[in-house]
Amino acid sequence: MKEAIDSTAYNNEQGNRARKLFAAVVLAALDDAIADDKKFGNGPDQIARWARSKDGREVLTCAGIDPNERVVQGLMDFVGKGVRTSVALSREESERRHAAEEEAARAA
């Protein structure tokens, strides 16, 4: 009985690792699209093309993201903002955005 529980926990852990790996691929694709946007101005189109492709849909699915049109639009909006994923996910950026939102709320 204990072995079945251990194997289930191990398989669950392996699945979580695989999801994280595919999520890293999605973040890398976003960074590449942001770089393309800065160089050529076509970043949102590039990420949309990738997300709608067979490989892109498969990577998004493996990362635990439903590859629907709303997700594609969100990816395009993220690339359009031009903030790299490492910066967007950092604590400092999160605190800065939160402070800016509070300031805007006080000014309104």
N, C-alpha and C. Protein backbone atom coordinates (compact mmCIF):
# COMPACT_ATOMS: atom_id res chain seq x y z
N MET A 1 0.83 -1.20 0.00
CA MET A 1 0.00 0.00 0.00
C MET A 1 0.86 1.25 0.00
N LYS A 2 1.90 1.23 0.83
CA LYS A 2 2.76 2.40 0.92
C LYS A 2 3.49 2.66 -0.40
N GLU A 3 3.85 1.59 -1.11
CA GLU A 3 4.53 1.75 -2.39
C GLU A 3 3.63 2.43 -3.41
N ALA A 4 2.35 2.14 -3.39
CA ALA A 4 1.41 2.77 -4.33
C ALA A 4 1.31 4.27 -4.06
N ILE A 5 1.30 4.63 -2.80
CA ILE A 5 1.24 6.05 -2.45
C ILE A 5 2.53 6.74 -2.87
N ASP A 6 3.66 6.09 -2.62
CA ASP A 6 4.95 6.67 -3.00
C ASP A 6 5.05 6.85 -4.51
N SER A 7 4.58 5.86 -5.27
CA SER A 7 4.67 5.97 -6.73
C SER A 7 3.72 7.05 -7.24
N THR A 8 2.55 7.20 -6.62
CA THR A 8 1.62 8.27 -7.01
C THR A 8 2.23 9.63 -6.73
N ALA A 9 2.84 9.79 -5.56
CA ALA A 9 3.48 11.06 -5.22
C ALA A 9 4.64 11.35 -6.18
N TYR A 10 5.40 10.31 -6.52
CA TYR A 10 6.51 10.48 -7.45
C TYR A 10 6.02 10.90 -8.83
N ASN A 11 4.96 10.25 -9.31
CA ASN A 11 4.40 10.59 -10.62
C ASN A 11 3.84 12.01 -10.62
N ASN A 12 3.20 12.41 -9.53
CA ASN A 12 2.67 13.76 -9.42
C ASN A 12 3.81 14.78 -9.45
N GLU A 13 4.88 14.48 -8.74
CA GLU A 13 6.04 15.37 -8.72
C GLU A 13 6.67 15.48 -10.11
N GLN A 14 6.76 14.37 -10.82
CA GLN A 14 7.29 14.39 -12.18
C GLN A 14 6.41 15.23 -13.10
N GLY A 15 5.11 15.12 -12.93
CA GLY A 15 4.18 15.93 -13.73
C GLY A 15 4.36 17.41 -13.46
N ASN A 16 4.53 17.77 -12.19
CA ASN A 16 4.76 19.17 -11.84
C ASN A 16 6.05 19.69 -12.45
N ARG A 17 7.08 18.87 -12.43
CA ARG A 17 8.36 19.28 -13.04
C ARG A 17 8.20 19.49 -14.54
N ALA A 18 7.48 18.60 -15.18
CA ALA A 18 7.27 18.73 -16.63
C ALA A 18 6.49 20.00 -16.95
N ARG A 19 5.46 20.31 -16.16
CA ARG A 19 4.69 21.53 -16.37
C ARG A 19 5.58 22.77 -16.22
N LYS A 20 6.45 22.75 -15.22
CA LYS A 20 7.36 23.88 -15.01
C LYS A 20 8.32 24.03 -16.18
N LEU A 21 8.78 22.92 -16.72
CA LEU A 21 9.67 22.96 -17.87
C LEU A 21 8.98 23.59 -19.07
N PHE A 22 7.75 23.18 -19.34
CA PHE A 22 7.02 23.74 -20.47
C PHE A 22 6.64 25.20 -20.21
N ALA A 23 6.38 25.56 -18.95
CA ALA A 23 6.12 26.97 -18.63
C ALA A 23 7.36 27.82 -18.92
N ALA A 24 8.55 27.26 -18.67
CA ALA A 24 9.78 27.98 -18.99
C ALA A 24 9.92 28.18 -20.50
N VAL A 25 9.47 27.22 -21.27
CA VAL A 25 9.49 27.36 -22.74
C VAL A 25 8.56 28.48 -23.17
N VAL A 26 7.39 28.59 -22.54
CA VAL A 26 6.46 29.66 -22.86
C VAL A 26 7.09 31.02 -22.52
N LEU A 27 7.74 31.11 -21.36
CA LEU A 27 8.40 32.37 -20.98
C LEU A 27 9.51 32.73 -21.96
N ALA A 28 10.25 31.74 -22.42
CA ALA A 28 11.30 31.99 -23.40
C ALA A 28 10.71 32.47 -24.72
N ALA A 29 9.58 31.91 -25.12
CA ALA A 29 8.92 32.35 -26.35
C ALA A 29 8.45 33.80 -26.21
N LEU A 30 7.96 34.15 -25.03
CA LEU A 30 7.54 35.53 -24.79
C LEU A 30 8.74 36.48 -24.87
N ASP A 31 9.85 36.09 -24.26
CA ASP A 31 11.06 36.93 -24.32
C ASP A 31 11.55 37.09 -25.76
N ASP A 32 11.50 36.02 -26.53
CA ASP A 32 11.91 36.09 -27.94
C ASP A 32 11.00 37.04 -28.72
N ALA A 33 9.71 36.96 -28.45
CA ALA A 33 8.76 37.83 -29.15
C ALA A 33 8.98 39.29 -28.74
N ILE A 34 9.31 39.54 -27.48
CA ILE A 34 9.58 40.91 -27.03
C ILE A 34 10.83 41.44 -27.72
N ALA A 35 11.85 40.59 -27.84
CA ALA A 35 13.07 41.00 -28.54
C ALA A 35 12.77 41.29 -30.01
N ASP A 36 11.95 40.47 -30.65
CA ASP A 36 11.55 40.72 -32.04
C ASP A 36 10.77 42.03 -32.15
N ASP A 37 9.93 42.30 -31.15
CA ASP A 37 9.14 43.53 -31.17
C ASP A 37 10.05 44.75 -31.10
N LYS A 38 11.09 44.68 -30.29
CA LYS A 38 12.01 45.81 -30.19
C LYS A 38 12.85 45.97 -31.45
N LYS A 39 13.22 44.86 -32.08
CA LYS A 39 14.04 44.93 -33.30
C LYS A 39 13.22 45.24 -34.54
N PHE A 40 12.16 44.48 -34.74
CA PHE A 40 11.41 44.53 -36.00
C PHE A 40 10.00 45.08 -35.88
N GLY A 41 9.48 45.16 -34.66
CA GLY A 41 8.13 45.68 -34.46
C GLY A 41 7.02 44.68 -34.72
N ASN A 42 7.36 43.39 -34.77
CA ASN A 42 6.32 42.39 -35.06
C ASN A 42 6.18 41.36 -33.95
N GLY A 43 6.51 41.71 -32.72
CA GLY A 43 6.47 40.76 -31.61
C GLY A 43 5.11 40.16 -31.34
N PRO A 44 4.04 40.99 -31.21
CA PRO A 44 2.72 40.41 -30.95
C PRO A 44 2.27 39.45 -32.06
N ASP A 45 2.60 39.78 -33.29
CA ASP A 45 2.24 38.88 -34.39
C ASP A 45 3.00 37.56 -34.30
N GLN A 46 4.27 37.64 -33.91
CA GLN A 46 5.10 36.44 -33.79
C GLN A 46 4.57 35.51 -32.70
N ILE A 47 4.24 36.07 -31.53
CA ILE A 47 3.76 35.22 -30.43
C ILE A 47 2.39 34.65 -30.78
N ALA A 48 1.57 35.41 -31.48
CA ALA A 48 0.25 34.91 -31.88
C ALA A 48 0.41 33.76 -32.88
N ARG A 49 1.31 33.93 -33.83
CA ARG A 49 1.54 32.87 -34.81
C ARG A 49 2.03 31.61 -34.12
N TRP A 50 2.96 31.79 -33.15
CA TRP A 50 3.49 30.63 -32.42
C TRP A 50 2.39 29.97 -31.59
N ALA A 51 1.62 30.76 -30.86
CA ALA A 51 0.60 30.20 -29.97
C ALA A 51 -0.51 29.48 -30.74
N ARG A 52 -0.76 29.91 -31.96
CA ARG A 52 -1.80 29.28 -32.77
C ARG A 52 -1.27 28.07 -33.56
N SER A 53 0.05 27.92 -33.61
CA SER A 53 0.62 26.80 -34.34
C SER A 53 0.41 25.50 -33.56
N LYS A 54 0.59 24.39 -34.22
CA LYS A 54 0.42 23.09 -33.57
C LYS A 54 1.40 22.94 -32.42
N ASP A 55 2.67 23.27 -32.64
CA ASP A 55 3.67 23.16 -31.59
C ASP A 55 3.37 24.09 -30.42
N GLY A 56 2.97 25.31 -30.73
CA GLY A 56 2.65 26.27 -29.68
C GLY A 56 1.48 25.81 -28.82
N ARG A 57 0.44 25.31 -29.48
CA ARG A 57 -0.72 24.80 -28.72
C ARG A 57 -0.32 23.63 -27.83
N GLU A 58 0.55 22.77 -28.35
CA GLU A 58 0.98 21.62 -27.56
C GLU A 58 1.82 22.06 -26.35
N VAL A 59 2.72 23.02 -26.55
CA VAL A 59 3.54 23.51 -25.45
C VAL A 59 2.66 24.20 -24.40
N LEU A 60 1.72 25.02 -24.84
CA LEU A 60 0.82 25.68 -23.90
C LEU A 60 0.01 24.66 -23.11
N THR A 61 -0.48 23.64 -23.77
CA THR A 61 -1.25 22.60 -23.10
C THR A 61 -0.39 21.87 -22.07
N CYS A 62 0.83 21.53 -22.44
CA CYS A 62 1.72 20.83 -21.52
C CYS A 62 2.12 21.71 -20.34
N ALA A 63 2.09 23.04 -20.53
CA ALA A 63 2.39 23.97 -19.45
C ALA A 63 1.17 24.19 -18.55
N GLY A 64 0.04 23.58 -18.90
CA GLY A 64 -1.17 23.73 -18.10
C GLY A 64 -1.98 24.95 -18.48
N ILE A 65 -1.77 25.48 -19.69
CA ILE A 65 -2.46 26.67 -20.17
C ILE A 65 -3.38 26.24 -21.31
N ASP A 66 -4.65 26.62 -21.23
CA ASP A 66 -5.61 26.30 -22.28
C ASP A 66 -5.33 27.20 -23.48
N PRO A 67 -4.97 26.63 -24.63
CA PRO A 67 -4.57 27.46 -25.78
C PRO A 67 -5.76 28.02 -26.56
N ASN A 68 -6.57 28.83 -25.90
CA ASN A 68 -7.72 29.42 -26.60
C ASN A 68 -7.37 30.83 -27.07
N GLU A 69 -8.30 31.46 -27.75
CA GLU A 69 -8.04 32.77 -28.35
C GLU A 69 -7.85 33.86 -27.29
N ARG A 70 -8.48 33.71 -26.16
CA ARG A 70 -8.30 34.68 -25.07
C ARG A 70 -6.86 34.65 -24.56
N VAL A 71 -6.29 33.46 -24.46
CA VAL A 71 -4.89 33.32 -24.04
C VAL A 71 -3.97 33.95 -25.07
N VAL A 72 -4.23 33.71 -26.34
CA VAL A 72 -3.42 34.28 -27.41
C VAL A 72 -3.45 35.81 -27.32
N GLN A 73 -4.63 36.37 -27.10
CA GLN A 73 -4.76 37.83 -26.97
C GLN A 73 -3.97 38.34 -25.76
N GLY A 74 -4.02 37.60 -24.67
CA GLY A 74 -3.26 37.98 -23.48
C GLY A 74 -1.76 37.95 -23.73
N LEU A 75 -1.30 36.93 -24.44
CA LEU A 75 0.13 36.86 -24.79
C LEU A 75 0.53 38.03 -25.67
N MET A 76 -0.33 38.37 -26.63
CA MET A 76 -0.05 39.50 -27.52
C MET A 76 0.01 40.81 -26.73
N ASP A 77 -0.92 40.99 -25.78
CA ASP A 77 -0.91 42.20 -24.95
C ASP A 77 0.35 42.28 -24.11
N PHE A 78 0.77 41.13 -23.55
CA PHE A 78 1.98 41.09 -22.73
C PHE A 78 3.19 41.49 -23.56
N VAL A 79 3.31 40.94 -24.75
CA VAL A 79 4.44 41.27 -25.62
C VAL A 79 4.37 42.74 -26.03
N GLY A 80 3.17 43.25 -26.26
CA GLY A 80 3.00 44.64 -26.64
C GLY A 80 3.48 45.61 -25.58
N LYS A 81 3.40 45.21 -24.31
CA LYS A 81 3.88 46.08 -23.22
C LYS A 81 5.39 46.18 -23.21
N GLY A 82 6.07 45.16 -23.72
CA GLY A 82 7.53 45.21 -23.85
C GLY A 82 8.31 44.98 -22.58
N VAL A 83 7.69 44.45 -21.55
CA VAL A 83 8.39 44.17 -20.28
C VAL A 83 8.83 42.72 -20.30
N ARG A 84 10.14 42.50 -20.16
CA ARG A 84 10.67 41.13 -20.19
C ARG A 84 10.08 40.32 -19.05
N THR A 85 9.99 39.02 -19.26
CA THR A 85 9.33 38.16 -18.26
C THR A 85 10.08 38.16 -16.93
N SER A 86 11.41 38.20 -16.97
CA SER A 86 12.17 38.19 -15.72
C SER A 86 11.88 39.44 -14.91
N VAL A 87 11.68 40.56 -15.57
CA VAL A 87 11.36 41.81 -14.88
C VAL A 87 9.92 41.79 -14.39
N ALA A 88 9.02 41.31 -15.24
CA ALA A 88 7.59 41.29 -14.89
C ALA A 88 7.31 40.37 -13.70
N LEU A 89 8.11 39.33 -13.56
CA LEU A 89 7.90 38.38 -12.46
C LEU A 89 8.68 38.72 -11.21
N SER A 90 9.47 39.79 -11.25
CA SER A 90 10.29 40.13 -10.09
C SER A 90 9.46 40.82 -9.01
N ARG A 91 9.91 40.73 -7.81
CA ARG A 91 9.21 41.34 -6.68
C ARG A 91 9.24 42.86 -6.78
N GLU A 92 10.38 43.42 -7.21
CA GLU A 92 10.49 44.87 -7.30
C GLU A 92 9.48 45.45 -8.28
N GLU A 93 9.34 44.80 -9.42
CA GLU A 93 8.38 45.27 -10.42
C GLU A 93 6.97 45.16 -9.89
N SER A 94 6.67 44.09 -9.19
CA SER A 94 5.34 43.92 -8.61
C SER A 94 5.06 45.02 -7.59
N GLU A 95 6.02 45.31 -6.74
CA GLU A 95 5.84 46.37 -5.74
C GLU A 95 5.70 47.74 -6.40
N ARG A 96 6.47 47.97 -7.47
CA ARG A 96 6.39 49.25 -8.17
C ARG A 96 5.02 49.44 -8.80
N ARG A 97 4.51 48.37 -9.44
CA ARG A 97 3.18 48.45 -10.06
C ARG A 97 2.09 48.67 -9.02
N HIS A 98 2.23 47.98 -7.88
CA HIS A 98 1.24 48.12 -6.82
C HIS A 98 1.26 49.54 -6.27
N ALA A 99 2.44 50.11 -6.08
CA ALA A 99 2.55 51.49 -5.59
C ALA A 99 1.96 52.47 -6.59
N ALA A 100 2.19 52.24 -7.88
CA ALA A 100 1.63 53.11 -8.91
C ALA A 100 0.11 53.03 -8.93
N GLU A 101 -0.44 51.84 -8.74
CA GLU A 101 -1.90 51.69 -8.70
C GLU A 101 -2.49 52.41 -7.50
N GLU A 102 -1.83 52.31 -6.35
CA GLU A 102 -2.31 53.01 -5.14
C GLU A 102 -2.26 54.51 -5.34
N GLU A 103 -1.20 55.01 -5.94
CA GLU A 103 -1.07 56.44 -6.21
C GLU A 103 -2.16 56.91 -7.15
N ALA A 104 -2.45 56.12 -8.17
CA ALA A 104 -3.50 56.48 -9.12
C ALA A 104 -4.87 56.49 -8.42
N ALA A 105 -5.07 55.54 -7.51
CA ALA A 105 -6.33 55.47 -6.79
C ALA A 105 -6.50 56.70 -5.87
N ARG A 106 -5.41 57.13 -5.25
CA ARG A 106 -5.47 58.30 -4.38
C ARG A 106 -5.71 59.58 -5.18
N ALA A 107 -5.14 59.65 -6.37
CA ALA A 107 -5.29 60.84 -7.21
C ALA A 107 -6.70 60.95 -7.78
N ALA A 108 -7.37 59.84 -7.92
CA ALA A 108 -8.72 59.84 -8.53
C ALA A 108 -9.80 60.24 -7.57
